[in-house]
Protein backbone atom coordinates (compact mmCIF):
# COMPACT_ATOMS: atom_id res chain seq x y z
CA UNK A 1 0.00 0.00 0.00
CA UNK A 2 2.83 2.39 0.83
CA UNK A 3 4.16 1.92 -2.70
CA UNK A 4 0.83 2.92 -4.25
CA UNK A 5 0.56 6.01 -2.07
CA UNK A 6 4.10 7.20 -2.74
CA UNK A 7 4.10 6.35 -6.46
CA UNK A 8 0.93 8.47 -6.82
CA UNK A 9 2.75 11.25 -5.08
CA UNK A 10 5.82 10.80 -7.28
CA UNK A 11 3.67 11.24 -10.37
CA UNK A 12 2.66 14.64 -9.04
CA UNK A 13 6.21 15.48 -7.96
CA UNK A 14 7.06 17.73 -10.96
CA UNK A 15 3.93 19.83 -10.38
CA UNK A 16 4.86 20.47 -6.77
CA UNK A 17 8.45 21.27 -7.69
CA UNK A 18 7.41 23.80 -10.33
CA UNK A 19 5.41 25.60 -7.67
CA UNK A 20 7.97 25.20 -4.89
CA UNK A 21 6.69 26.14 -1.47
CA UNK A 22 8.27 29.29 0.02
CA UNK A 23 7.91 27.82 3.50
CA UNK A 24 10.65 25.18 3.34
CA UNK A 25 13.48 27.26 4.78
CA UNK A 26 11.50 29.45 7.18
CA UNK A 27 11.47 27.19 10.21
CA UNK A 28 15.17 26.35 10.20
CA UNK A 29 16.06 29.23 12.51
CA UNK A 30 16.34 29.33 16.31
CA UNK A 31 13.20 30.72 17.92
CA UNK A 32 12.92 33.38 20.62
CA UNK A 33 9.43 33.81 22.08
CA UNK A 34 8.28 37.13 23.57
CA UNK A 35 5.06 37.06 25.63
CA UNK A 36 3.02 39.31 27.91
CA UNK A 37 1.50 36.15 29.44
CA UNK A 38 -2.17 36.38 28.61
CA UNK A 39 -3.76 32.94 28.94
CA UNK A 40 -3.95 32.58 25.15
CA UNK A 41 -0.18 33.25 25.11
CA UNK A 42 0.25 30.32 27.49
CA UNK A 43 -1.53 28.07 25.02
CA UNK A 44 0.52 29.46 22.12
CA UNK A 45 3.85 28.95 23.89
CA UNK A 46 2.78 25.43 24.89
CA UNK A 47 2.10 24.57 21.26
CA UNK A 48 5.62 25.63 20.29
CA UNK A 49 7.20 23.78 23.20
CA UNK A 50 5.42 20.56 22.31
CA UNK A 51 7.99 19.58 19.70
CA UNK A 52 11.72 19.10 20.33
CA UNK A 53 12.55 19.80 16.68
CA UNK A 54 11.43 23.42 17.17
CA UNK A 55 14.52 25.05 18.66
CA UNK A 56 13.33 27.56 21.27
CA UNK A 57 16.31 29.54 22.60
CA UNK A 58 14.48 31.30 25.41
CA UNK A 59 11.37 33.17 26.57
CA UNK A 60 11.21 36.95 27.01
CA UNK A 61 8.44 38.31 29.26
CA UNK A 62 7.39 41.81 28.20
CA UNK A 63 4.97 44.08 30.07
CA UNK A 64 1.46 44.12 28.69
CA UNK A 65 -1.34 41.92 29.94
CA UNK A 66 0.81 41.23 33.02
CA UNK A 67 3.88 42.88 34.49
CA UNK A 68 7.12 41.06 33.59
CA UNK A 69 7.79 39.69 37.08
CA UNK A 70 4.23 38.32 37.27
CA UNK A 71 4.41 36.73 33.88
CA UNK A 72 7.78 35.16 34.60
CA UNK A 73 6.27 33.12 37.43
CA UNK A 74 3.73 31.63 35.03
CA UNK A 75 6.39 30.91 32.41
CA UNK A 76 8.60 29.17 34.97
CA UNK A 77 5.64 26.96 35.90
CA UNK A 78 5.01 26.28 32.22
CA UNK A 79 8.65 25.31 31.66
CA UNK A 80 8.40 22.89 34.57
CA UNK A 81 5.39 21.15 33.01
CA UNK A 82 7.44 20.68 29.83
CA UNK A 83 10.55 19.56 31.81
CA UNK A 84 12.44 22.61 30.52
CA UNK A 85 13.60 24.04 33.84
CA UNK A 86 16.92 25.12 32.34
CA UNK A 87 15.45 27.20 29.52
CA UNK A 88 16.23 30.91 29.75
CA UNK A 89 13.33 33.06 31.01
CA UNK A 90 14.13 36.79 30.88
CA UNK A 91 12.12 39.80 32.07
CA UNK A 92 11.80 42.90 29.91
CA UNK A 93 11.74 46.36 31.43
CA UNK A 94 8.94 47.16 33.90
CA UNK A 95 7.13 50.33 32.83
CA UNK A 96 4.17 50.11 35.23
CA UNK A 97 1.73 51.41 32.66
CA UNK A 98 -2.01 51.11 33.35
CA UNK A 99 -3.05 47.54 32.70
CA UNK A 100 -5.78 46.35 30.35
CA UNK A 101 -9.24 45.48 31.63
CA UNK A 102 -8.40 41.77 31.49
CA UNK A 103 -5.24 41.97 33.65
CA UNK A 104 -6.94 40.76 36.84
CA UNK A 105 -8.57 37.83 35.04
CA UNK A 106 -5.19 36.74 33.69
CA UNK A 107 -3.58 37.11 37.11
CA UNK A 108 -6.10 34.59 38.43
CA UNK A 109 -5.04 31.89 35.94
CA UNK A 110 -2.37 29.68 37.56
CA UNK A 111 -0.25 26.75 36.45
CA UNK A 112 1.05 25.62 39.81
CA UNK A 113 4.08 26.59 41.86
CA UNK A 114 7.28 26.97 39.82
CA UNK A 115 10.53 25.39 41.04
CA UNK A 116 12.65 27.83 43.01
CA UNK A 117 15.82 26.56 41.33
CA UNK A 118 14.68 28.00 37.99
CA UNK A 119 16.12 31.50 38.17
CA UNK A 120 14.68 34.31 36.07
CA UNK A 121 17.03 36.63 34.18
CA UNK A 122 16.06 40.08 35.44
CA UNK A 123 17.61 42.13 32.64
CA UNK A 124 15.87 40.75 29.59
CA UNK A 125 17.15 43.50 27.31
CA UNK A 126 20.78 42.65 28.09
CA UNK A 127 20.06 38.92 27.71
CA UNK A 128 18.38 39.43 24.34
CA UNK A 129 21.19 41.66 23.09
CA UNK A 130 23.81 39.12 24.09
CA UNK A 131 21.82 36.23 22.61
CA UNK A 132 21.51 37.97 19.24
CA UNK A 133 25.12 39.19 19.25
CA UNK A 134 26.51 35.71 19.91
CA UNK A 135 24.14 33.76 17.66
CA UNK A 136 25.82 32.11 14.69
CA UNK A 137 22.61 32.30 12.69
CA UNK A 138 19.62 34.55 12.30
CA UNK A 139 16.66 33.99 14.62
CA UNK A 140 12.91 34.08 14.28
CA UNK A 141 11.33 36.33 16.90
CA UNK A 142 7.79 35.32 17.88
CA UNK A 143 6.09 38.19 19.69
CA UNK A 144 2.73 37.54 21.35
CA UNK A 145 2.48 40.94 23.06
CA UNK A 146 3.85 44.49 22.73
CA UNK A 147 7.13 44.96 20.86
CA UNK A 148 8.77 46.90 23.72
CA UNK A 149 11.73 44.61 24.45
CA UNK A 150 12.91 43.98 20.92
CA UNK A 151 12.48 47.69 20.11
CA UNK A 152 14.68 48.68 23.05
CA UNK A 153 17.33 46.18 21.93
CA UNK A 154 17.42 47.62 18.42
CA UNK A 155 17.55 51.17 19.77
CA UNK A 156 20.65 50.24 21.75
CA UNK A 157 22.28 48.29 18.91
CA UNK A 158 20.67 48.87 15.48
CA UNK A 159 23.14 46.46 13.84
CA UNK A 160 21.32 43.55 15.49
CA UNK A 161 18.59 43.95 12.91
CA UNK A 162 20.79 41.70 10.76
CA UNK A 163 20.45 38.90 13.31
CA UNK A 164 16.67 38.71 12.94
CA UNK A 165 15.33 36.59 10.10
CA UNK A 166 11.73 37.64 10.74
CA UNK A 167 9.31 38.71 13.46
CA UNK A 168 6.00 36.87 13.75
CA UNK A 169 3.68 39.18 15.69
CA UNK A 170 0.15 38.81 16.95
CA UNK A 171 -1.85 42.03 16.65
CA UNK A 172 -5.42 42.84 15.70
CA UNK A 173 -4.59 44.98 12.66
CA UNK A 174 -1.75 46.50 10.68
CA UNK A 175 -3.78 48.23 8.00
CA UNK A 176 -4.55 50.49 9.82
CA UNK A 177 -2.29 49.74 12.81
CA UNK A 178 -4.47 49.11 15.87
CA UNK A 179 -5.04 46.63 18.69
CA UNK A 180 -3.73 46.23 22.23
CA UNK A 181 -0.29 44.89 21.30
CA UNK A 182 0.18 47.97 19.14
CA UNK A 183 -1.30 50.68 21.36
CA UNK A 184 0.24 49.53 24.66
CA UNK A 185 3.63 50.67 23.37
CA UNK A 186 2.92 52.49 20.14
CA UNK A 187 6.40 54.02 19.96
CA UNK A 188 8.04 50.59 20.11
CA UNK A 189 5.66 49.17 17.52
CA UNK A 190 6.21 52.08 15.12
CA UNK A 191 9.97 51.71 15.48
CA UNK A 192 9.83 48.03 14.49
CA UNK A 193 7.27 48.57 11.72
CA UNK A 194 9.53 51.18 10.14
CA UNK A 195 12.57 48.92 9.99
CA UNK A 196 13.30 46.60 7.08
CA UNK A 197 12.76 43.48 9.19
CA UNK A 198 10.32 41.03 7.71
CA UNK A 199 7.17 41.06 9.86
CA UNK A 200 4.47 38.40 9.57
CA UNK A 201 1.42 39.78 11.38
CA UNK A 202 -1.31 37.37 12.46
CA UNK A 203 -4.81 38.35 13.59
CA UNK A 204 -7.90 36.34 14.51
CA UNK A 205 -10.07 38.50 12.18
CA UNK A 206 -13.08 37.98 14.49
CA UNK A 207 -14.07 34.77 12.76
CA UNK A 208 -17.09 33.16 14.36
CA UNK A 209 -15.64 29.65 14.00
CA UNK A 210 -12.55 30.60 16.03
CA UNK A 211 -14.15 30.10 19.46
CA UNK A 212 -12.78 27.55 21.94
CA UNK A 213 -15.54 25.77 23.87
CA UNK A 214 -15.64 23.11 26.57
CA UNK A 215 -15.19 20.27 24.06
CA UNK A 216 -11.51 21.21 23.62
CA UNK A 217 -10.85 20.85 27.33
CA UNK A 218 -12.86 17.63 27.51
CA UNK A 219 -10.69 16.29 24.69
CA UNK A 220 -7.55 17.30 26.59
CA UNK A 221 -8.79 15.26 29.54
CA UNK A 222 -8.36 12.09 27.50
CA UNK A 223 -4.65 12.65 26.84
CA UNK A 224 -1.41 12.84 28.80
CA UNK A 225 0.67 15.30 26.77
CA UNK A 226 2.18 18.42 28.36
CA UNK A 227 -0.09 20.57 26.20
CA UNK A 228 -3.14 18.66 27.44
CA UNK A 229 -1.92 19.22 31.02
CA UNK A 230 -1.64 22.96 30.45
CA UNK A 231 -5.12 23.16 28.96
CA UNK A 232 -6.60 21.19 31.83
CA UNK A 233 -4.86 23.33 34.46
CA UNK A 234 -6.13 26.55 32.92
CA UNK A 235 -9.46 25.37 31.55
CA UNK A 236 -10.67 23.93 34.83
CA UNK A 237 -10.40 27.29 36.63
CA UNK A 238 -13.74 28.91 37.29
CA UNK A 239 -12.64 32.29 35.90
CA UNK A 240 -12.42 30.73 32.43
CA UNK A 241 -15.02 27.95 32.58
CA UNK A 242 -17.97 30.33 32.33
CA UNK A 243 -16.40 32.05 29.35
CA UNK A 244 -16.01 28.67 27.61
CA UNK A 245 -19.72 27.97 28.04
CA UNK A 246 -20.59 31.40 26.67
CA UNK A 247 -18.25 31.06 23.67
CA UNK A 248 -16.34 34.12 24.85
CA UNK A 249 -12.97 32.43 24.44
CA UNK A 250 -11.56 32.72 20.95
CA UNK A 251 -8.30 31.65 19.42
CA UNK A 252 -5.88 34.54 19.27
CA UNK A 253 -2.16 34.08 19.95
CA UNK A 254 -2.54 30.35 19.31
CA UNK A 255 -2.87 31.35 15.67
CA UNK A 256 0.75 32.50 15.67
CA UNK A 257 1.92 29.02 16.65
CA UNK A 258 -0.38 27.43 14.10
CA UNK A 259 0.99 29.81 11.45
CA UNK A 260 4.56 28.91 12.39
CA UNK A 261 3.92 25.18 12.08
CA UNK A 262 1.29 25.25 9.29
CA UNK A 263 1.59 28.44 7.22
CA UNK A 264 -0.41 26.88 4.39
CA UNK A 265 -3.57 27.46 6.47
CA UNK A 266 -3.16 31.25 6.32
CA UNK A 267 -3.83 33.53 3.37
CA UNK A 268 -1.06 36.14 3.62
CA UNK A 269 -0.78 39.36 1.68
CA UNK A 270 1.85 42.11 1.49
CA UNK A 271 1.33 45.57 2.98
CA UNK A 272 2.19 47.81 0.03
CA UNK A 273 4.47 49.66 -0.33
CA UNK A 274 6.19 48.05 2.72
CA UNK A 275 6.73 44.66 1.12
CA UNK A 276 8.59 43.40 4.21
CA UNK A 277 5.29 43.40 6.14
CA UNK A 278 2.81 40.60 5.52
CA UNK A 279 -0.52 40.02 7.22
CA UNK A 280 -3.23 37.40 7.09
CA UNK A 281 -6.40 38.39 5.34
CA UNK A 282 -7.94 34.99 5.94
CA UNK A 283 -7.26 31.62 7.55
CA UNK A 284 -8.99 28.28 8.07
CA UNK A 285 -10.12 28.13 11.73
CA UNK A 286 -11.42 24.55 11.50
CA UNK A 287 -8.05 23.31 10.23
CA UNK A 288 -6.29 25.29 12.97
CA UNK A 289 -8.50 23.54 15.51
CA UNK A 290 -7.56 20.21 13.93
CA UNK A 291 -3.87 21.11 14.34
CA UNK A 292 -4.47 22.00 17.99
CA UNK A 293 -6.38 18.74 18.57
CA UNK A 294 -3.59 16.69 17.03
CA UNK A 295 -1.06 18.54 19.17
CA UNK A 296 -3.10 17.77 22.30
CA UNK A 297 -3.28 14.09 21.45
CA UNK A 298 0.40 13.90 20.51
CA UNK A 299 -0.18 12.61 16.96
CA UNK A 300 0.79 15.89 15.29
CA UNK A 301 4.16 15.75 13.54
CA UNK A 302 5.87 19.06 12.77
CA UNK A 303 7.64 18.47 9.47
CA UNK A 304 8.31 19.71 5.96
CA UNK A 305 5.84 17.28 4.38
CA UNK A 306 4.19 18.60 1.22
CA UNK A 307 1.24 16.19 0.93
CA UNK A 308 1.28 13.79 3.90
CA UNK A 309 0.03 15.12 7.25
CA UNK A 310 2.53 12.67 8.72
CA UNK A 311 4.87 10.32 6.92
CA UNK A 312 3.85 6.63 7.03
CA UNK A 313 5.77 4.78 9.74
CA UNK A 314 3.46 1.87 10.52
CA UNK A 315 5.36 -1.38 9.79
CA UNK A 316 2.37 -3.00 8.05
CA UNK A 317 2.54 -0.32 5.33
CA UNK A 318 5.99 -1.52 4.23
CA UNK A 319 7.35 -4.64 2.56
CA UNK A 320 8.30 -7.38 4.99
CA UNK A 321 12.06 -6.97 4.81
CA UNK A 322 11.81 -3.18 5.30
CA UNK A 323 9.63 -3.77 8.36
CA UNK A 324 12.62 -5.38 10.02
CA UNK A 325 14.61 -2.13 10.02
CA UNK A 326 12.00 0.64 10.30
CA UNK A 327 12.03 1.20 14.07
CA UNK A 328 15.81 0.86 14.41
CA UNK A 329 16.56 3.04 11.37
CA UNK A 330 14.32 5.88 12.54
CA UNK A 331 15.74 5.66 16.07
CA UNK A 332 19.34 5.76 14.76
CA UNK A 333 19.06 8.26 11.92
CA UNK A 334 15.81 10.20 12.40
CA UNK A 335 12.58 10.55 10.46
CA UNK A 336 14.06 13.02 7.95
CA UNK A 337 16.56 10.48 6.63
CA UNK A 338 13.92 7.76 6.72
CA UNK A 339 11.62 9.82 4.49
CA UNK A 340 14.48 10.58 2.11
CA UNK A 341 15.43 6.92 1.73
CA UNK A 342 11.83 5.72 1.32
CA UNK A 343 11.01 8.32 -1.31
CA UNK A 344 14.32 7.68 -3.10
CA UNK A 345 13.70 3.94 -3.33
CA UNK A 346 10.22 4.43 -4.77
CA UNK A 347 11.44 7.10 -7.19
CA UNK A 348 14.52 5.09 -8.17
CA UNK A 349 12.52 1.96 -8.97
CA UNK A 350 14.46 -0.41 -6.75
CA UNK A 351 16.32 -0.45 -3.46
CA UNK A 352 19.92 0.34 -4.46
CA UNK A 353 23.08 0.96 -2.50
CA UNK A 354 24.16 4.16 -4.23
CA UNK A 355 20.67 5.67 -4.22
CA UNK A 356 20.54 5.11 -0.44
CA UNK A 357 24.00 6.66 -0.12
CA UNK A 358 22.74 9.66 -2.12
CA UNK A 359 19.74 10.08 0.18
CA UNK A 360 22.04 10.04 3.20
CA UNK A 361 24.42 12.48 1.48
CA UNK A 362 21.65 14.95 0.68
CA UNK A 363 20.23 14.73 4.21
CA UNK A 364 23.67 15.46 5.64
CA UNK A 365 24.16 18.42 3.27
CA UNK A 366 20.94 20.06 4.44
CA UNK A 367 22.08 19.60 8.05
CA UNK A 368 25.46 21.18 7.31
CA UNK A 369 23.85 24.24 5.72
CA UNK A 370 20.87 24.21 8.13
CA UNK A 371 18.35 24.64 5.29
CA UNK A 372 15.24 22.92 4.04
CA UNK A 373 14.46 21.47 0.61
CA UNK A 374 14.71 23.31 -2.73
CA UNK A 375 17.62 25.54 -1.62
CA UNK A 376 20.99 23.90 -2.27
CA UNK A 377 22.75 24.00 -5.61
CA UNK A 378 24.39 20.67 -6.39
CA UNK A 379 27.17 19.63 -8.75
CA UNK A 380 27.39 15.85 -8.91
CA UNK A 381 30.44 13.92 -10.07
CA UNK A 382 28.53 10.62 -10.20
CA UNK A 383 27.97 10.80 -13.95
CA UNK A 384 24.98 9.56 -15.93
CA UNK A 385 25.69 5.83 -15.97
CA UNK A 386 25.03 3.30 -13.17
CA UNK A 387 26.09 2.40 -10.64
CA UNK A 388 27.48 5.77 -9.44
CA UNK A 389 24.76 7.78 -11.21
CA UNK A 390 22.19 6.21 -8.86
CA UNK A 391 23.62 8.57 -6.25
CA UNK A 392 21.96 11.44 -8.13
CA UNK A 393 18.45 10.16 -7.47
CA UNK A 394 19.05 10.03 -3.73
CA UNK A 395 20.51 13.54 -3.74
CA UNK A 396 17.59 14.96 -5.72
CA UNK A 397 14.88 13.41 -3.57
CA UNK A 398 16.51 14.21 -0.21
CA UNK A 399 17.34 17.85 -1.02
CA UNK A 400 14.65 18.82 -3.53
CA UNK A 401 17.52 20.06 -5.70
CA UNK A 402 16.11 18.43 -8.79
CA UNK A 403 16.50 18.69 -12.53
CA UNK A 404 13.09 20.36 -12.67
CA UNK A 405 14.23 22.96 -10.18
CA UNK A 406 17.40 23.57 -12.15
CA UNK A 407 19.42 23.12 -8.97
CA UNK A 408 21.47 20.04 -9.89
CA UNK A 409 24.07 19.64 -12.61
CA UNK A 410 26.09 16.58 -13.57
CA UNK A 411 29.78 17.35 -14.10
CA UNK A 412 31.38 16.04 -17.27
CA UNK A 413 34.41 14.14 -16.01
CA UNK A 414 36.44 11.25 -17.35
CA UNK A 415 36.28 9.32 -14.10
CA UNK A 416 33.00 9.43 -12.21
CA UNK A 417 32.86 9.05 -8.44
CA UNK A 418 30.27 9.09 -5.61
CA UNK A 419 30.88 12.73 -4.80
CA UNK A 420 29.02 16.04 -4.99
CA UNK A 421 29.56 19.71 -4.18
CA UNK A 422 26.73 21.54 -2.41
CA UNK A 423 26.53 25.34 -2.53
CA UNK A 424 24.37 27.90 -0.73
CA UNK A 425 24.77 31.58 0.05
CA UNK A 426 28.40 31.77 -1.10
CA UNK A 427 29.50 28.65 0.76
CA UNK A 428 30.45 25.34 -0.89
CA UNK A 429 31.01 21.94 0.72
CA UNK A 430 32.24 18.77 -0.99
CA UNK A 431 30.86 15.42 0.24
CA UNK A 432 32.51 12.22 -0.92
CA UNK A 433 31.83 8.63 0.08
CA UNK A 434 34.86 7.42 2.02
CA UNK A 435 37.07 4.84 0.35
CA UNK A 436 36.37 2.11 2.91
CA UNK A 437 32.63 2.34 2.30
CA UNK A 438 33.12 2.47 -1.45
CA UNK A 439 35.23 -0.68 -1.18
CA UNK A 440 32.47 -2.36 0.83
CA UNK A 441 29.94 -1.63 -1.91
CA UNK A 442 32.28 -2.84 -4.63
CA UNK A 443 32.86 -6.12 -2.79
CA UNK A 444 29.12 -6.72 -2.47
CA UNK A 445 28.47 -5.87 -6.13
CA UNK A 446 31.34 -8.07 -7.26
CA UNK A 447 30.02 -10.93 -5.16
CA UNK A 448 26.61 -10.60 -6.76
CA UNK A 449 27.98 -10.47 -10.28
CA UNK A 450 30.17 -13.51 -9.71
CA UNK A 451 27.35 -15.52 -8.16
CA UNK A 452 24.45 -14.53 -10.39
CA UNK A 453 25.40 -12.18 -13.22
CA UNK A 454 23.81 -8.80 -13.82
CA UNK A 455 20.58 -10.06 -15.40
CA UNK A 456 19.74 -12.66 -12.76
CA UNK A 457 17.19 -11.66 -10.11
CA UNK A 458 19.50 -13.17 -7.50
CA UNK A 459 21.88 -10.28 -8.12
CA UNK A 460 19.17 -7.70 -7.45
CA UNK A 461 18.06 -9.53 -4.32
CA UNK A 462 21.62 -9.36 -3.04
CA UNK A 463 21.78 -5.66 -3.88
CA UNK A 464 18.53 -5.10 -2.00
CA UNK A 465 19.83 -6.92 1.09
CA UNK A 466 23.03 -4.87 0.99
CA UNK A 467 21.08 -1.63 0.57
CA UNK A 468 18.89 -2.46 3.58
CA UNK A 469 22.01 -3.21 5.60
CA UNK A 470 23.67 0.09 4.64
CA UNK A 471 20.43 1.98 5.21
CA UNK A 472 20.31 0.72 8.79
CA UNK A 473 23.98 0.58 9.74
CA UNK A 474 25.64 3.49 7.96
CA UNK A 475 25.75 6.73 9.90
CA UNK A 476 25.62 9.68 7.49
CA UNK A 477 27.89 11.64 9.83
CA UNK A 478 30.65 9.05 9.46
CA UNK A 479 30.56 7.69 5.90
CA UNK A 480 31.45 10.85 3.99
CA UNK A 481 34.54 12.99 3.68
CA UNK A 482 33.51 16.62 4.28
CA UNK A 483 35.58 19.39 2.72
CA UNK A 484 34.92 23.12 2.81
CA UNK A 485 35.73 24.67 -0.57
CA UNK A 486 37.06 28.19 -0.83
CA UNK A 487 35.08 29.84 -3.61
CA UNK A 488 37.00 33.16 -3.48
């Protein structure tokens, strides 16, 4: 069955490649979350913390719904629920401005007593400046409240604008600019809006279907995830229960987390003439609720899948010999490599040793450059004749750097070899299968040819067994020579 599903997908592969998704590379940046600790913020932060593959560097607590020191207590409790007691929690500057009408309600929402050993960083501005200054890569800044802290950082050191890949901000409106997160510190918001930083603004748009009723909390009661625990702790408190019954609770900041993980559910448009600012003019609230439900149950998988909601991993969906390695291979090498190898084998037409090596090579290349699919330029030295040319199929499928994308070229060389050069943003890295692994493949192929000959199905069965063995046993971090190439 898995073959039928994936072959159908492969037939559509060129269509998807010609309309390559712009979302592939957006979530490969460390995440800093800024919150004013409204109870919808707590749900939003919990959604982001639910997945270890989302790299959250730390939490900044900015004055807004609550004062920073009040909010930090709630965030410490939240971190404890997620077993993240060592994560940085930093307080922005206390301005003691008049609070919103809902401040007292949000003060009443508790998550339990935080561990005393989890110390809060009192100078959040200094922490954020240092974090950005020392980061080796640009960060995504998710802001669920006023923009006060990040604005103060950029006032002190404007050069740090280059360390921010984008800001995802929850606010009611940008065209015209309005809403609590804007008006609470209008000067800070205007400063950020007038920079060249990319800003993705998310709003609930007052959609009727966006309410959260008691059924969500009842559903959480049937599950044991940390997110379910948070919902039960907050949803069972009398100050919110009545609002659930009256449909007064609507999704708000949760939409930011849903946008981060599932941007395809949001219809974004550009704020002309400021093309760096984008805002949602529509979204699918029922699908967002489905995302939240899957997160509560623990079946949601945050990934770069294009068609599958989650990649098939049930053993019964695979051929019997592949079933023997599925659990061990995913545990050793991760789901990303598993997907690459599965899709390569289906695309390639058989389970081959060099195609598997190519899938591992491409997966490693994306790790080295910390990018998603459809980004790397590839120059392969594997030629256009088997067996080395089979490497090209694995590279294409694992990286999305396909012929259709125009991102892969095959070098014309007299002597082909299982080697490729990957380039992105002025940097080039050569990956080459190490000699000892190449010798291992050659021995297996020679054994098959001697025993069976190329046209005998016994040869291909031996190749399949070898490929399964390499798939399981070969660590992509060990089997390749890695060489940085100076392109200057």
